[in-house]
Amino acid sequence: MIQPKLSFESSHPYEEGSFKYRAVLRERAMWCLPTTATPTLCANPATQRVFMKHDPRSPAFGRKAVNTEMDKVYKQLLTNMKFVLRRARKISFSADIWTKRGMTESKLGMTARLYDPHSKVMRRMTLACRTFPPPHTAARLFKLTMDILAEWDIAPSKISAIVTDNGSNMEAAFKAFVDSNGSDSHNESNEDEEGVTVTSDDTEEANLVEEVDEYMQFEEQCDREFDGRIKRHSCTIHRLQTAVRVFQKDETLKPIIRKARVIVKTFRMSTVATGELIKATNLTLIADVTTRWNSTLQFLKRLDLVQDSVKEIMARHLRIPGLPPGEWVIIRYMIKLLDKLTLYVSQYSCG
C-alpha cells in the first residue's frame, strides 16, 4: 500500500525551472558524464522508476534535456579547471602513450599536477586522452602535446621541469620543446619544482643493447646541453626498468636466462607437455615478453614454482638441455633481486 504523501509527491514532480528541478537535472548529468551511462539510458522508463524510488518527485527527464545539461556541466567544469590552471604559479605534466593489444589503437593521455594557492591543496587534472594513430614520430607527438597545452591556455613558461624516459620519440619531442622554449625557461628560479613526466609507448620493440646505449647517451647529452636552461629529471621508473635490462646483459646470467626461455618456449609449443603440466600443477609456463615490464620476473617465478614437474615432463617427452641444480639456485637469487626492483616500481607507479 502506497502512503498518501508518496502518492501525492509522485503525481506532483518538481516544477520545470525551479531550483530543485535544476539541481536534480544537474545530478542526472553528473551521473552520466564520468560513467558509461548515456542520456538514452537516463531517459529510459525503467531507469526513471529507479530514480523515483529515491525521490518520488523526480521529473521524467527526456534524452535531449539530459544531453543539453551534460554539455552545460562539461563546459562549466572546463571553465573551472582553466581558472585553477591560470592561478597556479607552476604546473607539472604527465604524458603517456599506450597501445591496445594487436596495435589497433593508440592513445595519448596528459595529466596536470599543481598547487592551488586559492584552496591551498595539490590538484591533479586529466587534461586530455586523445587518439594518437601511428606513426608515433617526434614531430607528431610534439605537435599534439603543444596543441593540448594551447587549448588549455597554458604558457610554456609555467612548466617547471621535464622528466623524460629513453624512448626515441619522447627524447626528440623533449628536445624540440626545449629548443623552442629555452629562452622562456632560462631565467626560472632554482627552487624545487614539480616535473613533467613523459612516458614512452611501452609496446615499442627495442633492441636491448641499443636501448641501453641510447639511454646512457641521452642522459649525457641532457646533462651537458640542458643544465641551467631548464630543469630536467630522469623518469625513475624507466631508469629502474633500464637497470633490469642491463641486469640481463650480465655474461654469467645471460646463458641461464636463455636456457630458461628455451624450456618455456618448448613447453608452450608442445600440447603434450603443456597438458601434463596443467594436470600436475594446474598452471602453465609464462613467456618472457621483452616489451612488458616485469615479464622476466614473472616467467622465472613461474618456472621456479613448477620446476619439479617441468624436470619430470622434460625427462619423459622433451629432448632439450635442462638446468643443473646450481643454475636453479641462481634463478632463485635473480627472482629475489627482481622482486625488490618490482616493489619499488609498483610504489612509484602508485604515486
Protein backbone atom coordinates (compact mmCIF):
# COMPACT_ATOMS: atom_id res chain seq x y z
CA MET A 1 0.00 0.00 0.00
CA ILE A 2 1.42 3.40 -1.04
CA GLN A 3 1.38 6.12 1.61
CA PRO A 4 -0.82 9.14 0.70
CA LYS A 5 2.14 11.51 0.87
CA LEU A 6 4.22 9.39 -1.52
CA SER A 7 1.26 9.08 -3.86
CA PHE A 8 0.85 12.87 -3.88
CA GLU A 9 4.55 13.52 -4.45
CA SER A 10 4.81 11.03 -7.30
CA SER A 11 2.00 12.83 -9.11
CA HIS A 12 3.49 16.29 -8.48
CA PRO A 13 7.08 16.36 -9.83
CA TYR A 14 9.27 19.41 -9.33
CA GLU A 15 8.22 22.34 -11.48
CA GLU A 16 10.31 22.95 -14.55
CA GLY A 17 12.77 25.77 -13.95
CA SER A 18 12.61 25.54 -10.16
CA PHE A 19 15.79 25.27 -8.10
CA LYS A 20 15.11 21.63 -7.19
CA TYR A 21 14.32 20.77 -10.82
CA ARG A 22 17.64 22.20 -12.00
CA ALA A 23 19.53 20.52 -9.15
CA VAL A 24 18.10 17.08 -9.98
CA LEU A 25 18.79 17.58 -13.69
CA ARG A 26 22.37 18.54 -12.92
CA GLU A 27 22.81 15.46 -10.73
CA ARG A 28 21.50 13.32 -13.57
CA ALA A 29 24.02 14.90 -15.97
CA MET A 30 26.84 14.43 -13.44
CA TRP A 31 25.83 10.78 -13.15
CA CYS A 32 26.22 10.30 -16.91
CA LEU A 33 29.42 12.26 -17.53
CA PRO A 34 32.04 10.17 -15.66
CA THR A 35 30.40 6.82 -16.45
CA THR A 36 29.33 4.78 -19.45
CA ALA A 37 25.71 5.81 -18.85
CA THR A 38 24.06 7.63 -21.76
CA PRO A 39 21.21 10.17 -21.93
CA THR A 40 19.12 7.44 -23.57
CA LEU A 41 19.66 5.15 -20.58
CA CYS A 42 18.90 8.04 -18.24
CA ALA A 43 15.59 8.68 -20.03
CA ASN A 44 14.62 5.01 -20.06
CA PRO A 45 11.33 4.39 -18.17
CA ALA A 46 12.90 1.64 -16.06
CA THR A 47 15.72 3.99 -15.03
CA GLN A 48 13.20 6.72 -14.27
CA ARG A 49 11.34 4.38 -11.92
CA VAL A 50 14.58 3.67 -10.05
CA PHE A 51 15.20 7.40 -9.62
CA MET A 52 11.63 7.92 -8.39
CA LYS A 53 12.13 5.34 -5.65
CA HIS A 54 14.80 7.62 -4.20
CA ASP A 55 12.88 10.82 -4.88
CA PRO A 56 9.16 10.44 -5.75
CA ARG A 57 9.08 13.99 -7.15
CA SER A 58 11.94 13.35 -9.57
CA PRO A 59 10.92 14.59 -13.05
CA ALA A 60 10.99 12.25 -16.03
CA PHE A 61 13.75 13.98 -17.97
CA GLY A 62 13.99 13.28 -21.69
CA ARG A 63 17.16 12.39 -23.55
CA LYS A 64 17.50 15.86 -25.07
CA ALA A 65 17.22 17.61 -21.69
CA VAL A 66 19.91 15.40 -20.14
CA ASN A 67 22.19 15.79 -23.16
CA THR A 68 21.87 19.59 -23.08
CA GLU A 69 22.59 19.68 -19.35
CA MET A 70 25.65 17.44 -19.85
CA ASP A 71 27.05 19.97 -22.32
CA LYS A 72 26.47 22.80 -19.82
CA VAL A 73 28.11 20.89 -16.96
CA TYR A 74 31.07 19.89 -19.13
CA LYS A 75 31.68 23.49 -20.25
CA GLN A 76 31.43 24.71 -16.65
CA LEU A 77 33.94 22.10 -15.49
CA LEU A 78 36.35 23.15 -18.25
CA THR A 79 35.99 26.79 -17.20
CA ASN A 80 36.65 25.94 -13.55
CA MET A 81 39.72 23.88 -14.48
CA LYS A 82 41.10 26.73 -16.59
CA PHE A 83 40.68 29.12 -13.64
CA VAL A 84 42.69 26.75 -11.44
CA LEU A 85 45.38 26.33 -14.11
CA ARG A 86 45.57 30.09 -14.63
CA ARG A 87 46.16 30.94 -10.97
CA ALA A 88 48.79 28.22 -10.49
CA ARG A 89 52.37 29.50 -10.50
CA LYS A 90 53.87 26.27 -11.79
CA ILE A 91 52.33 23.18 -13.36
CA SER A 92 53.78 19.74 -13.95
CA PHE A 93 52.52 17.32 -16.56
CA SER A 94 52.45 13.59 -17.11
CA ALA A 95 52.11 12.43 -20.72
CA ASP A 96 51.74 8.75 -21.51
CA ILE A 97 51.28 6.83 -24.76
CA TRP A 98 49.81 3.34 -24.69
CA THR A 99 48.65 0.98 -27.40
CA LYS A 100 45.89 -1.61 -27.36
CA ARG A 101 46.71 -5.25 -27.95
CA GLY A 102 47.08 -6.00 -31.60
CA MET A 103 48.28 -2.43 -32.24
CA THR A 104 44.72 -1.48 -33.25
CA GLU A 105 44.65 1.89 -31.48
CA SER A 106 46.98 4.21 -29.58
CA LYS A 107 46.15 6.90 -27.05
CA LEU A 108 47.99 9.88 -25.63
CA GLY A 109 46.95 10.90 -22.13
CA MET A 110 48.03 14.10 -20.39
CA THR A 111 47.66 14.89 -16.70
CA ALA A 112 48.45 18.15 -14.89
CA ARG A 113 49.62 18.40 -11.29
CA LEU A 114 49.78 21.71 -9.46
CA TYR A 115 49.44 23.55 -6.17
CA ASP A 116 46.30 25.66 -5.97
CA PRO A 117 47.06 28.81 -3.91
CA HIS A 118 43.33 29.54 -3.52
CA SER A 119 42.33 26.25 -1.89
CA LYS A 120 45.88 25.51 -0.63
CA VAL A 121 45.76 21.91 -1.86
CA MET A 122 47.56 19.87 -4.51
CA ARG A 123 45.40 19.19 -7.54
CA ARG A 124 45.56 16.62 -10.29
CA MET A 125 43.65 17.08 -13.55
CA THR A 126 43.31 14.90 -16.61
CA LEU A 127 43.60 17.36 -19.48
CA ALA A 128 43.34 15.05 -22.48
CA CYS A 129 43.05 11.50 -23.71
CA ARG A 130 43.46 11.61 -27.48
CA THR A 131 43.58 9.00 -30.18
CA PHE A 132 47.15 9.03 -31.47
CA PRO A 133 47.42 6.96 -34.67
CA PRO A 134 50.84 5.83 -35.91
CA PRO A 135 53.46 6.74 -36.86
CA HIS A 136 54.44 7.96 -33.39
CA THR A 137 57.07 10.37 -34.66
CA ALA A 138 58.62 13.07 -32.52
CA ALA A 139 57.13 15.82 -34.69
CA ARG A 140 53.57 14.49 -34.37
CA LEU A 141 53.97 13.85 -30.65
CA PHE A 142 55.36 17.34 -30.07
CA LYS A 143 52.58 18.96 -32.11
CA LEU A 144 49.81 17.10 -30.28
CA THR A 145 51.32 17.94 -26.90
CA MET A 146 51.62 21.64 -27.74
CA ASP A 147 48.07 21.66 -29.16
CA ILE A 148 46.76 20.34 -25.84
CA LEU A 149 48.68 22.99 -23.89
CA ALA A 150 47.35 25.71 -26.22
CA GLU A 151 43.76 24.51 -25.79
CA TRP A 152 44.13 24.97 -22.04
CA ASP A 153 45.88 28.36 -22.40
CA ILE A 154 48.99 27.07 -20.62
CA ALA A 155 52.11 29.11 -21.31
CA PRO A 156 55.34 27.09 -21.71
CA SER A 157 56.94 29.31 -19.05
CA LYS A 158 54.59 27.79 -16.45
CA ILE A 159 56.15 24.35 -16.90
CA SER A 160 58.53 23.79 -14.00
CA ALA A 161 60.67 20.92 -15.30
CA ILE A 162 60.62 17.96 -17.65
CA VAL A 163 61.20 14.31 -16.83
CA THR A 164 61.75 12.02 -19.80
CA ASP A 165 62.35 8.35 -20.41
CA ASN A 166 64.65 6.93 -23.07
CA GLY A 167 62.06 6.46 -25.83
CA SER A 168 63.44 7.95 -29.04
CA ASN A 169 60.19 9.74 -29.91
CA MET A 170 59.90 11.25 -26.43
CA GLU A 171 63.56 12.32 -26.42
CA ALA A 172 63.21 14.17 -29.70
CA ALA A 173 59.94 15.78 -28.60
CA PHE A 174 61.56 16.95 -25.39
CA LYS A 175 64.49 18.44 -27.31
CA ALA A 176 62.09 20.21 -29.68
CA PHE A 177 60.21 21.62 -26.69
CA VAL A 178 63.36 22.93 -25.01
CA ASP A 179 64.75 24.34 -28.26
CA SER A 180 61.53 26.26 -28.92
CA ASN A 181 61.04 27.47 -25.34
CA GLY A 182 64.55 27.60 -23.93
CA SER A 183 64.59 31.39 -23.69
CA ASP A 184 61.43 31.37 -21.55
CA SER A 185 62.88 28.84 -19.16
CA HIS A 186 66.39 30.27 -18.85
CA ASN A 187 65.55 32.78 -16.12
CA GLU A 188 63.49 30.49 -13.93
CA SER A 189 64.46 30.27 -10.26
CA ASN A 190 66.31 27.33 -8.75
CA GLU A 191 63.54 26.47 -6.32
CA ASP A 192 62.42 22.87 -6.24
CA GLU A 193 59.56 22.48 -8.65
CA GLU A 194 57.42 19.66 -9.91
CA GLY A 195 58.44 17.75 -13.03
CA VAL A 196 56.71 16.89 -16.24
CA THR A 197 56.69 13.14 -16.62
CA VAL A 198 56.78 11.92 -20.19
CA THR A 199 56.44 8.24 -20.71
CA SER A 200 57.03 6.31 -23.89
CA ASP A 201 54.84 3.78 -25.68
CA ASP A 202 55.62 0.50 -23.82
CA THR A 203 54.75 -1.61 -26.86
CA GLU A 204 57.65 -0.30 -28.93
CA GLU A 205 60.08 -3.02 -29.94
CA ALA A 206 63.60 -2.17 -28.81
CA ASN A 207 66.91 -3.94 -29.09
CA LEU A 208 68.41 -4.40 -25.63
CA VAL A 209 71.91 -3.18 -26.37
CA GLU A 210 70.78 -0.21 -28.45
CA GLU A 211 68.17 0.70 -25.86
CA VAL A 212 70.67 0.86 -23.02
CA ASP A 213 73.30 2.68 -25.09
CA GLU A 214 70.77 5.25 -26.32
CA TYR A 215 69.58 5.78 -22.78
CA MET A 216 73.08 6.50 -21.47
CA GLN A 217 73.91 8.76 -24.42
CA PHE A 218 70.72 10.71 -23.92
CA GLU A 219 71.45 11.16 -20.21
CA GLU A 220 74.90 12.55 -21.01
CA GLN A 221 73.53 14.90 -23.68
CA CYS A 222 70.90 16.26 -21.31
CA ASP A 223 73.48 16.83 -18.57
CA ARG A 224 75.62 18.83 -21.00
CA GLU A 225 73.02 20.72 -23.03
CA PHE A 226 70.13 21.42 -20.67
CA ASP A 227 71.87 22.04 -17.35
CA GLY A 228 71.00 25.57 -16.24
CA ARG A 229 68.47 26.13 -19.03
CA ILE A 230 65.54 24.08 -17.82
CA LYS A 231 65.10 21.56 -15.03
CA ARG A 232 65.19 18.05 -16.34
CA HIS A 233 64.94 14.76 -14.43
CA SER A 234 65.01 11.14 -15.49
CA CYS A 235 61.89 9.07 -15.01
CA THR A 236 62.73 6.88 -12.02
CA ILE A 237 60.53 4.01 -13.15
CA HIS A 238 62.14 3.87 -16.58
CA ARG A 239 65.58 4.05 -15.01
CA LEU A 240 64.76 1.02 -12.86
CA GLN A 241 63.45 -0.81 -15.92
CA THR A 242 66.63 0.00 -17.81
CA ALA A 243 68.60 -1.39 -14.87
CA VAL A 244 66.66 -4.64 -15.25
CA ARG A 245 67.56 -4.74 -18.94
CA VAL A 246 71.24 -4.18 -18.09
CA PHE A 247 70.97 -6.92 -15.49
CA GLN A 248 70.01 -9.34 -18.27
CA LYS A 249 73.21 -8.48 -20.18
CA ASP A 250 75.42 -9.99 -17.48
CA GLU A 251 77.62 -12.66 -19.08
CA THR A 252 77.01 -15.09 -16.22
CA LEU A 253 73.24 -14.72 -16.19
CA LYS A 254 72.62 -14.41 -19.94
CA PRO A 255 73.09 -18.14 -20.79
CA ILE A 256 70.91 -19.18 -17.84
CA ILE A 257 68.09 -16.88 -18.90
CA ARG A 258 68.47 -18.09 -22.50
CA LYS A 259 68.15 -21.76 -21.46
CA ALA A 260 65.14 -20.95 -19.28
CA ARG A 261 63.49 -19.23 -22.25
CA VAL A 262 64.13 -22.27 -24.45
CA ILE A 263 62.45 -24.51 -21.87
CA VAL A 264 59.42 -22.24 -21.64
CA LYS A 265 59.14 -21.86 -25.42
CA THR A 266 59.40 -25.62 -25.98
CA PHE A 267 56.74 -26.32 -23.37
CA ARG A 268 54.38 -23.76 -24.84
CA MET A 269 54.79 -25.29 -28.31
CA SER A 270 54.09 -28.82 -27.05
CA THR A 271 50.45 -29.66 -26.34
CA VAL A 272 51.52 -32.89 -24.63
CA ALA A 273 53.98 -31.21 -22.27
CA THR A 274 51.62 -28.32 -21.53
CA GLY A 275 48.73 -30.72 -20.92
CA GLU A 276 50.73 -32.79 -18.44
CA LEU A 277 51.95 -29.64 -16.67
CA ILE A 278 48.39 -28.37 -16.27
CA LYS A 279 47.31 -31.79 -15.00
CA ALA A 280 50.13 -31.87 -12.45
CA THR A 281 50.12 -28.24 -11.27
CA ASN A 282 47.03 -26.58 -12.76
CA LEU A 283 49.46 -23.95 -14.11
CA THR A 284 51.21 -23.15 -17.39
CA LEU A 285 54.58 -21.54 -18.06
CA ILE A 286 54.67 -17.79 -18.76
CA ALA A 287 56.51 -16.46 -21.79
CA ASP A 288 59.08 -13.68 -21.38
CA VAL A 289 57.96 -10.69 -23.46
CA THR A 290 60.67 -8.02 -23.78
CA THR A 291 58.18 -5.16 -24.19
CA ARG A 292 56.25 -5.97 -20.99
CA TRP A 293 57.57 -4.70 -17.69
CA ASN A 294 58.38 -7.34 -15.05
CA SER A 295 57.98 -10.04 -17.69
CA THR A 296 61.36 -11.64 -16.88
CA LEU A 297 60.45 -11.87 -13.20
CA GLN A 298 57.07 -13.42 -13.95
CA PHE A 299 58.42 -16.08 -16.28
CA LEU A 300 61.28 -17.02 -13.91
CA LYS A 301 58.94 -17.15 -10.90
CA ARG A 302 56.53 -19.50 -12.64
CA LEU A 303 59.34 -21.71 -13.93
CA ASP A 304 60.84 -21.99 -10.44
CA LEU A 305 57.43 -22.69 -8.91
CA VAL A 306 56.78 -25.73 -11.13
CA GLN A 307 60.38 -26.85 -11.63
CA ASP A 308 59.85 -30.38 -10.23
CA SER A 309 57.04 -31.10 -12.68
CA VAL A 310 58.99 -29.45 -15.51
CA LYS A 311 62.02 -31.68 -14.87
CA GLU A 312 59.86 -34.80 -14.82
CA ILE A 313 57.99 -33.92 -18.02
CA MET A 314 61.21 -32.93 -19.81
CA ALA A 315 62.77 -36.28 -18.95
CA ARG A 316 59.82 -38.13 -20.49
CA HIS A 317 58.86 -36.05 -23.52
CA LEU A 318 61.31 -33.25 -24.40
CA ARG A 319 64.83 -33.59 -25.73
CA ILE A 320 66.27 -30.24 -24.70
CA PRO A 321 69.02 -29.38 -22.21
CA GLY A 322 67.75 -28.71 -18.72
CA LEU A 323 69.10 -26.52 -15.95
CA PRO A 324 71.58 -28.06 -13.47
CA PRO A 325 70.94 -27.58 -9.72
CA GLY A 326 73.41 -24.69 -9.49
CA GLU A 327 71.57 -22.70 -12.16
CA TRP A 328 68.23 -23.25 -10.44
CA VAL A 329 69.80 -21.68 -7.32
CA ILE A 330 70.98 -18.70 -9.39
CA ILE A 331 67.44 -18.29 -10.76
CA ARG A 332 66.12 -18.05 -7.20
CA TYR A 333 68.62 -15.28 -6.41
CA MET A 334 67.61 -13.50 -9.62
CA ILE A 335 63.97 -13.67 -8.52
CA LYS A 336 64.83 -12.12 -5.14
CA LEU A 337 66.63 -9.21 -6.80
CA LEU A 338 63.94 -8.60 -9.42
CA ASP A 339 61.27 -8.79 -6.71
CA LYS A 340 62.87 -5.85 -4.90
CA LEU A 341 63.01 -3.78 -8.09
CA THR A 342 59.38 -4.63 -8.83
CA LEU A 343 58.37 -3.44 -5.36
CA TYR A 344 59.93 -0.03 -5.97
CA VAL A 345 58.40 0.21 -9.45
CA SER A 346 54.96 -0.56 -8.02
CA GLN A 347 55.33 2.04 -5.26
CA TYR A 348 56.44 4.75 -7.70
CA SER A 349 53.67 3.84 -10.14
CA CYS A 350 51.02 4.17 -7.44
CA GLY A 351 52.36 7.57 -6.50
